[in-house]
Amino acid sequence: MTTTAYTDGACLGNPGPGGWAWAVPGGRFASGAAAHTTNQRMEIAAALEAVRALEGPLEIVSDSTYVVNCFRDRWWEGWIARGWVNKAKQPVANRDLWEPLIDEVRRRGQGGVRFRWVKGHGSDRFNDLVDRLAVEAAHKQAGRAGDRPPTDPGPADAPRGRGGADPRPPDGFRLVVTGHRPPELGGYDENPVAAAVRRKLTELLAAERELHPDVVVLTGLGLGAEHLAAEAAEAAGVPYVSVLPYPDADSQWPDASRREFRRLLAGGKGKIVLQGKAPETRQAAGGALRRRDAWLARSADEAIVVWDGDEPLVGRAVRALQDALGEEQVMVVEPPAG
């Protein structure tokens, strides 16, 4: 018979103190902690500890697309074939945890370990249990184990924002689109480079809609790639939600850009404003933008980034999204030369 084990990881800050947990419904459970870690490492660690502890046919149930998609989409085959580098020819993050997990799954043979995704912070009580156990371990920096699930696992994590009270993201398969600002996309007016990027994004979003009928685009609605993302979503028939760092983020923009911003804002499925008051200094505005980018990374299931491969600010965004989602979940679209 197949044993089902729920797994989850938590981190109080990213990086920060973390915890992992697994539990078999009506049976064994275990949790553990790490002093300085990340969300993704704790998600992998939870699955690894469950696979090590439970023999026989096993189903791992996780709310981490990073973990589930590695096996569902067989990312690991490409990693091994390329010598543990990803498609971007960068070393695979968290190899020290991935490699023993993948080795154990391969040792168990075809069908020996299966992975299934479950929506986090939903109605599944066993996903809620391991979430609470992982958060408890992160706070106490100590784990525990037993033969029956505990009745006192502690408070739940904040939805999607490990360690913080984030606004709730929209339901559905959340796809973040971001990237270059207008100077790298041919300028502020309509031009061939921006038009080509918009067409490519429209094609990709239409394809995502076929794969994920509940796909929803999350866009910061900034000038450049984020504006093009909303326009491409309109053309592809994909709903989008605008995620703004603070009110009136367009106040310093040219009039034509402000009109398009307002039109796109009104045409979206919804609007999320992460800070109630506009910042008073440039430094405060930069901090609000960084917090918005971090929220998008925490809330996404997948990402598309318009990047020429050189511009360092966008490059940092690519790496942050890869750290949050996994390298294979971040697609880079290179704009044509102007």
Protein backbone atom coordinates (compact mmCIF):
# COMPACT_ATOMS: atom_id res chain seq x y z
CA MET A 1 0.00 0.00 0.00
CA THR A 2 1.10 3.55 -0.70
CA THR A 3 1.87 5.80 2.26
CA THR A 4 0.86 9.46 1.91
CA ALA A 5 3.04 12.06 3.62
CA TYR A 6 2.35 15.80 3.69
CA THR A 7 5.42 18.07 3.76
CA ASP A 8 6.03 21.77 4.26
CA GLY A 9 8.78 24.28 5.01
CA ALA A 10 8.75 27.72 6.62
CA CYS A 11 11.21 30.55 7.06
CA LEU A 12 11.01 33.63 9.31
CA GLY A 13 12.50 35.97 6.79
CA ASN A 14 14.12 34.78 3.60
CA PRO A 15 16.84 34.00 4.53
CA GLY A 16 16.30 33.54 8.24
CA PRO A 17 15.48 30.89 10.86
CA GLY A 18 13.57 28.03 9.25
CA GLY A 19 11.69 24.84 9.91
CA TRP A 20 10.48 21.75 8.04
CA ALA A 21 7.85 19.13 8.78
CA TRP A 22 6.22 16.00 7.42
CA ALA A 23 3.24 14.02 8.65
CA VAL A 24 1.35 10.87 7.66
CA PRO A 25 -2.43 11.28 8.16
CA GLY A 26 -3.26 9.38 11.34
CA GLY A 27 0.35 8.23 11.71
CA ARG A 28 3.94 9.36 12.17
CA PHE A 29 5.24 12.91 11.99
CA ALA A 30 8.52 14.78 12.39
CA SER A 31 9.81 18.34 12.25
CA GLY A 32 13.19 20.04 12.41
CA ALA A 33 14.88 23.43 12.25
CA ALA A 34 17.75 25.36 10.66
CA ALA A 35 19.25 28.57 12.06
CA HIS A 36 19.85 30.38 8.76
CA THR A 37 18.09 29.13 5.65
CA THR A 38 15.48 29.90 2.98
CA ASN A 39 11.91 28.90 2.20
CA GLN A 40 12.99 26.73 -0.70
CA ARG A 41 15.62 24.85 1.28
CA MET A 42 13.08 24.01 3.96
CA GLU A 43 10.57 22.77 1.36
CA ILE A 44 13.20 20.43 -0.11
CA ALA A 45 14.40 19.37 3.35
CA ALA A 46 10.85 18.40 4.37
CA ALA A 47 10.47 16.12 1.35
CA LEU A 48 13.96 14.67 1.82
CA GLU A 49 13.36 13.85 5.49
CA ALA A 50 10.02 12.21 4.68
CA VAL A 51 11.51 10.05 1.92
CA ARG A 52 14.39 9.01 4.18
CA ALA A 53 12.05 8.10 7.05
CA LEU A 54 9.26 6.26 5.19
CA GLU A 55 9.91 3.05 3.28
CA GLY A 56 7.76 1.47 0.59
CA PRO A 57 5.59 3.17 -2.05
CA LEU A 58 5.20 6.80 -1.07
CA GLU A 59 3.18 9.84 -2.14
CA ILE A 60 4.61 13.21 -1.10
CA VAL A 61 1.97 15.97 -0.94
CA SER A 62 3.43 19.48 -0.96
CA ASP A 63 2.24 23.04 -1.62
CA SER A 64 5.65 23.83 -3.14
CA THR A 65 5.64 23.91 -6.95
CA TYR A 66 9.43 24.08 -6.67
CA VAL A 67 9.50 20.57 -5.17
CA VAL A 68 6.59 19.01 -7.06
CA ASN A 69 7.53 20.33 -10.50
CA CYS A 70 11.11 19.09 -10.18
CA PHE A 71 9.73 15.56 -10.35
CA ARG A 72 6.52 16.11 -12.31
CA ASP A 73 8.41 17.90 -15.10
CA ARG A 74 11.63 15.90 -14.54
CA TRP A 75 13.88 18.92 -14.13
CA TRP A 76 16.40 16.65 -12.41
CA GLU A 77 17.11 14.77 -15.61
CA GLY A 78 18.36 17.95 -17.29
CA TRP A 79 20.38 18.94 -14.22
CA ILE A 80 22.22 15.63 -14.17
CA ALA A 81 22.72 15.55 -17.95
CA ARG A 82 24.24 19.05 -17.85
CA GLY A 83 26.48 18.32 -14.86
CA TRP A 84 24.28 20.05 -12.28
CA VAL A 85 23.85 23.34 -14.09
CA ASN A 86 20.46 24.77 -15.06
CA LYS A 87 19.24 25.91 -18.46
CA ALA A 88 20.88 29.28 -17.88
CA LYS A 89 24.20 27.44 -17.39
CA GLN A 90 24.33 28.43 -13.71
CA PRO A 91 24.95 25.97 -10.86
CA VAL A 92 21.70 24.43 -9.62
CA ALA A 93 20.70 26.12 -6.37
CA ASN A 94 20.36 23.92 -3.28
CA ARG A 95 22.18 21.00 -4.93
CA ASP A 96 23.28 19.71 -1.50
CA LEU A 97 19.61 18.96 -0.74
CA TRP A 98 18.36 18.16 -4.23
CA GLU A 99 21.02 15.55 -4.96
CA PRO A 100 20.29 13.21 -2.01
CA LEU A 101 16.52 13.60 -2.55
CA ILE A 102 16.80 12.79 -6.25
CA ASP A 103 19.15 9.86 -5.52
CA GLU A 104 16.66 8.41 -3.04
CA VAL A 105 13.71 8.82 -5.43
CA ARG A 106 15.72 7.15 -8.22
CA ARG A 107 16.73 4.31 -5.88
CA ARG A 108 13.08 3.57 -5.14
CA GLY A 109 12.41 3.05 -8.85
CA GLN A 110 9.57 4.10 -11.13
CA GLY A 111 6.44 4.81 -9.13
CA GLY A 112 8.23 4.27 -5.82
CA VAL A 113 7.86 7.94 -4.85
CA ARG A 114 5.18 10.18 -6.38
CA PHE A 115 4.67 13.89 -5.83
CA ARG A 116 1.35 15.72 -5.70
CA TRP A 117 0.70 19.45 -5.34
CA VAL A 118 -1.89 20.83 -2.93
CA LYS A 119 -2.95 24.44 -2.54
CA GLY A 120 -1.35 26.01 0.51
CA HIS A 121 -3.49 27.73 3.14
CA GLY A 122 -6.57 26.07 1.73
CA SER A 123 -9.00 23.59 3.26
CA ASP A 124 -6.65 20.59 3.53
CA ARG A 125 -6.18 19.94 7.24
CA PHE A 126 -3.01 17.90 6.82
CA ASN A 127 -1.35 20.64 4.77
CA ASP A 128 -2.35 22.99 7.57
CA LEU A 129 -0.85 20.60 10.14
CA VAL A 130 2.60 20.43 8.53
CA ASP A 131 2.52 24.19 7.94
CA ARG A 132 1.96 24.74 11.66
CA LEU A 133 4.64 22.23 12.62
CA ALA A 134 7.18 23.86 10.30
CA VAL A 135 6.41 27.35 11.66
CA GLU A 136 6.67 26.03 15.22
CA ALA A 137 10.09 24.51 14.48
CA ALA A 138 11.27 27.75 12.89
CA HIS A 139 10.24 29.80 15.93
CA LYS A 140 11.54 27.38 18.57
CA GLN A 141 14.55 26.24 16.53
CA ALA A 142 13.76 22.72 17.63
CA GLY A 143 11.85 19.84 16.09
CA ARG A 144 9.84 16.96 17.43
CA ALA A 145 8.51 13.59 16.29
CA GLY A 146 5.89 11.03 17.21
CA ASP A 147 3.74 8.10 16.13
CA ARG A 148 0.54 10.14 15.94
CA PRO A 149 0.01 13.70 14.65
CA PRO A 150 0.06 16.21 17.53
CA THR A 151 -3.00 18.15 18.60
CA ASP A 152 -1.01 21.28 19.56
CA PRO A 153 1.02 22.25 16.48
CA GLY A 154 0.91 26.01 17.05
CA PRO A 155 -0.30 28.89 14.86
CA ALA A 156 -0.40 28.80 11.08
CA ASP A 157 1.93 30.71 8.83
CA ALA A 158 0.72 33.94 7.22
CA PRO A 159 -0.67 33.19 3.73
CA ARG A 160 2.18 33.10 1.20
CA GLY A 161 4.25 35.58 3.22
CA ARG A 162 6.42 33.42 5.46
CA GLY A 163 6.68 35.39 8.66
CA GLY A 164 4.61 38.40 7.59
CA ALA A 165 1.01 39.52 7.17
CA ASP A 166 0.92 39.98 3.40
CA PRO A 167 -2.16 40.94 1.40
CA ARG A 168 -3.71 37.81 0.00
CA PRO A 169 -2.76 37.06 -3.62
CA PRO A 170 -5.51 36.22 -6.13
CA ASP A 171 -6.58 32.63 -6.64
CA GLY A 172 -5.31 30.74 -9.67
CA PHE A 173 -1.95 29.94 -11.24
CA ARG A 174 -0.03 33.15 -10.60
CA LEU A 175 2.37 34.27 -13.32
CA VAL A 176 4.58 37.31 -12.64
CA VAL A 177 5.82 39.29 -15.66
CA THR A 178 8.50 41.94 -15.22
CA GLY A 179 11.69 43.20 -16.84
CA HIS A 180 13.23 46.17 -18.59
CA ARG A 181 12.07 49.75 -18.40
CA PRO A 182 11.54 51.87 -21.55
CA PRO A 183 15.18 52.89 -22.22
CA GLU A 184 16.05 49.26 -22.95
CA LEU A 185 12.83 48.70 -24.93
CA GLY A 186 13.23 51.40 -27.58
CA GLY A 187 11.97 54.38 -25.59
CA TYR A 188 8.76 55.66 -24.05
CA ASP A 189 6.73 55.85 -27.27
CA GLU A 190 5.46 52.93 -29.33
CA ASN A 191 8.35 51.42 -31.29
CA PRO A 192 9.38 48.14 -33.01
CA VAL A 193 11.24 46.74 -29.97
CA ALA A 194 8.29 47.21 -27.61
CA ALA A 195 5.88 45.86 -30.23
CA ALA A 196 8.00 42.73 -30.71
CA VAL A 197 8.18 42.11 -26.95
CA ARG A 198 4.40 42.60 -26.64
CA ARG A 199 3.79 40.04 -29.42
CA LYS A 200 6.10 37.51 -27.76
CA LEU A 201 4.46 37.99 -24.37
CA THR A 202 1.02 37.57 -25.97
CA GLU A 203 2.11 34.24 -27.51
CA LEU A 204 3.53 33.02 -24.21
CA LEU A 205 0.46 34.03 -22.21
CA ALA A 206 -1.86 32.33 -24.69
CA ALA A 207 0.21 29.16 -24.31
CA GLU A 208 0.10 29.45 -20.51
CA ARG A 209 -3.69 29.74 -20.66
CA GLU A 210 -3.79 26.38 -22.48
CA LEU A 211 -1.58 24.77 -19.83
CA HIS A 212 -3.22 26.50 -16.86
CA PRO A 213 -6.84 27.57 -17.51
CA ASP A 214 -6.84 29.50 -14.20
CA VAL A 215 -3.69 31.50 -15.00
CA VAL A 216 -3.64 35.10 -13.78
CA VAL A 217 -0.86 37.60 -14.52
CA LEU A 218 0.60 39.64 -11.68
CA THR A 219 2.16 42.89 -12.90
CA GLY A 220 3.65 45.81 -11.05
CA LEU A 221 2.31 47.93 -13.94
CA GLY A 222 5.54 49.92 -14.11
CA LEU A 223 6.66 51.49 -17.35
CA GLY A 224 8.21 49.11 -19.86
CA ALA A 225 7.86 45.32 -19.57
CA GLU A 226 5.18 45.50 -16.86
CA HIS A 227 2.94 47.73 -19.00
CA LEU A 228 3.54 45.41 -21.97
CA ALA A 229 2.60 42.45 -19.78
CA ALA A 230 -0.84 43.92 -19.04
CA GLU A 231 -1.37 44.79 -22.71
CA ALA A 232 -0.30 41.28 -23.74
CA ALA A 233 -2.65 39.76 -21.16
CA GLU A 234 -5.52 41.77 -22.67
CA ALA A 235 -4.62 40.51 -26.15
CA ALA A 236 -4.30 36.89 -24.99
CA GLY A 237 -7.53 36.94 -23.00
CA VAL A 238 -5.73 36.32 -19.71
CA PRO A 239 -6.84 38.19 -16.55
CA TYR A 240 -4.26 40.33 -14.80
CA VAL A 241 -3.96 41.91 -11.37
CA SER A 242 -1.99 45.11 -10.78
CA VAL A 243 0.30 45.05 -7.73
CA LEU A 244 1.30 48.58 -6.76
CA PRO A 245 3.95 49.48 -4.17
CA TYR A 246 1.97 52.53 -2.98
CA PRO A 247 -0.84 54.86 -4.17
CA ASP A 248 -0.28 57.17 -7.15
CA ALA A 249 2.87 55.40 -8.28
CA ASP A 250 2.42 57.10 -11.67
CA SER A 251 2.42 60.67 -10.35
CA GLN A 252 5.75 61.64 -11.96
CA TRP A 253 5.16 59.97 -15.33
CA PRO A 254 4.50 61.69 -18.70
CA ASP A 255 0.83 62.39 -19.41
CA ALA A 256 0.51 59.73 -22.14
CA SER A 257 2.03 57.08 -19.86
CA ARG A 258 -0.30 58.09 -17.04
CA ARG A 259 -3.36 57.72 -19.29
CA GLU A 260 -2.31 54.22 -20.33
CA PHE A 261 -1.57 53.34 -16.71
CA ARG A 262 -5.06 54.40 -15.65
CA ARG A 263 -6.64 52.51 -18.52
CA LEU A 264 -4.76 49.32 -17.67
CA LEU A 265 -5.47 49.72 -13.98
CA ALA A 266 -9.21 49.94 -14.69
CA GLY A 267 -9.14 47.00 -17.09
CA GLY A 268 -7.53 44.50 -14.78
CA LYS A 269 -9.16 41.79 -12.70
CA GLY A 270 -8.11 43.56 -9.52
CA LYS A 271 -5.64 45.86 -7.77
CA ILE A 272 -3.42 45.27 -4.75
CA VAL A 273 -1.71 48.23 -3.06
CA LEU A 274 0.98 47.08 -0.64
CA GLN A 275 1.54 50.38 1.21
CA GLY A 276 -1.21 52.79 2.19
CA LYS A 277 0.76 56.02 1.89
CA ALA A 278 3.02 57.34 -0.87
CA PRO A 279 6.70 57.58 0.23
CA GLU A 280 8.16 61.00 0.94
CA THR A 281 11.75 60.37 -0.21
CA ARG A 282 13.47 58.62 -3.10
CA GLN A 283 15.05 56.20 -0.63
CA ALA A 284 11.65 55.29 0.83
CA ALA A 285 10.27 54.80 -2.67
CA GLY A 286 13.11 52.42 -3.48
CA GLY A 287 12.37 50.43 -0.34
CA ALA A 288 8.69 50.18 -1.27
CA LEU A 289 9.59 48.91 -4.74
CA ARG A 290 11.88 46.25 -3.24
CA ARG A 291 9.10 45.13 -0.91
CA ARG A 292 6.73 44.90 -3.87
CA ASP A 293 9.22 42.79 -5.81
CA ALA A 294 9.66 40.49 -2.81
CA TRP A 295 5.88 40.11 -2.48
CA LEU A 296 5.62 39.20 -6.16
CA ALA A 297 8.35 36.57 -5.79
CA ARG A 298 6.62 35.06 -2.75
CA SER A 299 3.25 35.00 -4.46
CA ALA A 300 4.22 33.65 -7.90
CA ASP A 301 3.99 30.13 -9.27
CA GLU A 302 5.98 31.03 -12.38
CA ALA A 303 7.62 34.12 -13.90
CA ILE A 304 8.54 35.66 -17.25
CA VAL A 305 11.28 38.31 -17.27
CA VAL A 306 12.14 40.52 -20.25
CA TRP A 307 15.93 40.79 -20.02
CA ASP A 308 18.79 41.35 -22.44
CA GLY A 309 21.16 39.30 -20.29
CA ASP A 310 23.29 42.32 -19.34
CA GLU A 311 21.36 44.98 -17.40
CA PRO A 312 22.29 44.33 -13.73
CA LEU A 313 19.07 45.46 -11.99
CA VAL A 314 16.91 43.14 -14.08
CA GLY A 315 19.54 40.43 -13.68
CA ARG A 316 19.15 40.66 -9.91
CA ALA A 317 15.37 40.32 -10.32
CA VAL A 318 15.92 37.18 -12.41
CA ARG A 319 18.13 35.64 -9.74
CA ALA A 320 15.70 36.56 -6.94
CA LEU A 321 12.83 34.91 -8.80
CA GLN A 322 14.94 31.84 -9.53
CA ASP A 323 15.79 31.58 -5.83
CA ALA A 324 12.12 31.85 -4.90
CA LEU A 325 10.58 29.65 -7.61
CA GLY A 326 13.34 27.45 -8.98
CA GLU A 327 15.40 28.09 -12.08
CA GLU A 328 13.08 26.14 -14.38
CA GLN A 329 10.08 28.27 -13.39
CA VAL A 330 11.59 31.54 -14.63
CA MET A 331 11.52 32.18 -18.38
CA VAL A 332 13.73 34.91 -19.82
CA VAL A 333 12.57 36.74 -22.95
CA GLU A 334 15.34 38.64 -24.73
CA PRO A 335 14.17 41.83 -26.47
CA PRO A 336 15.30 42.29 -30.07
CA ALA A 337 18.09 44.72 -30.79
CA GLY A 338 16.80 48.25 -31.29
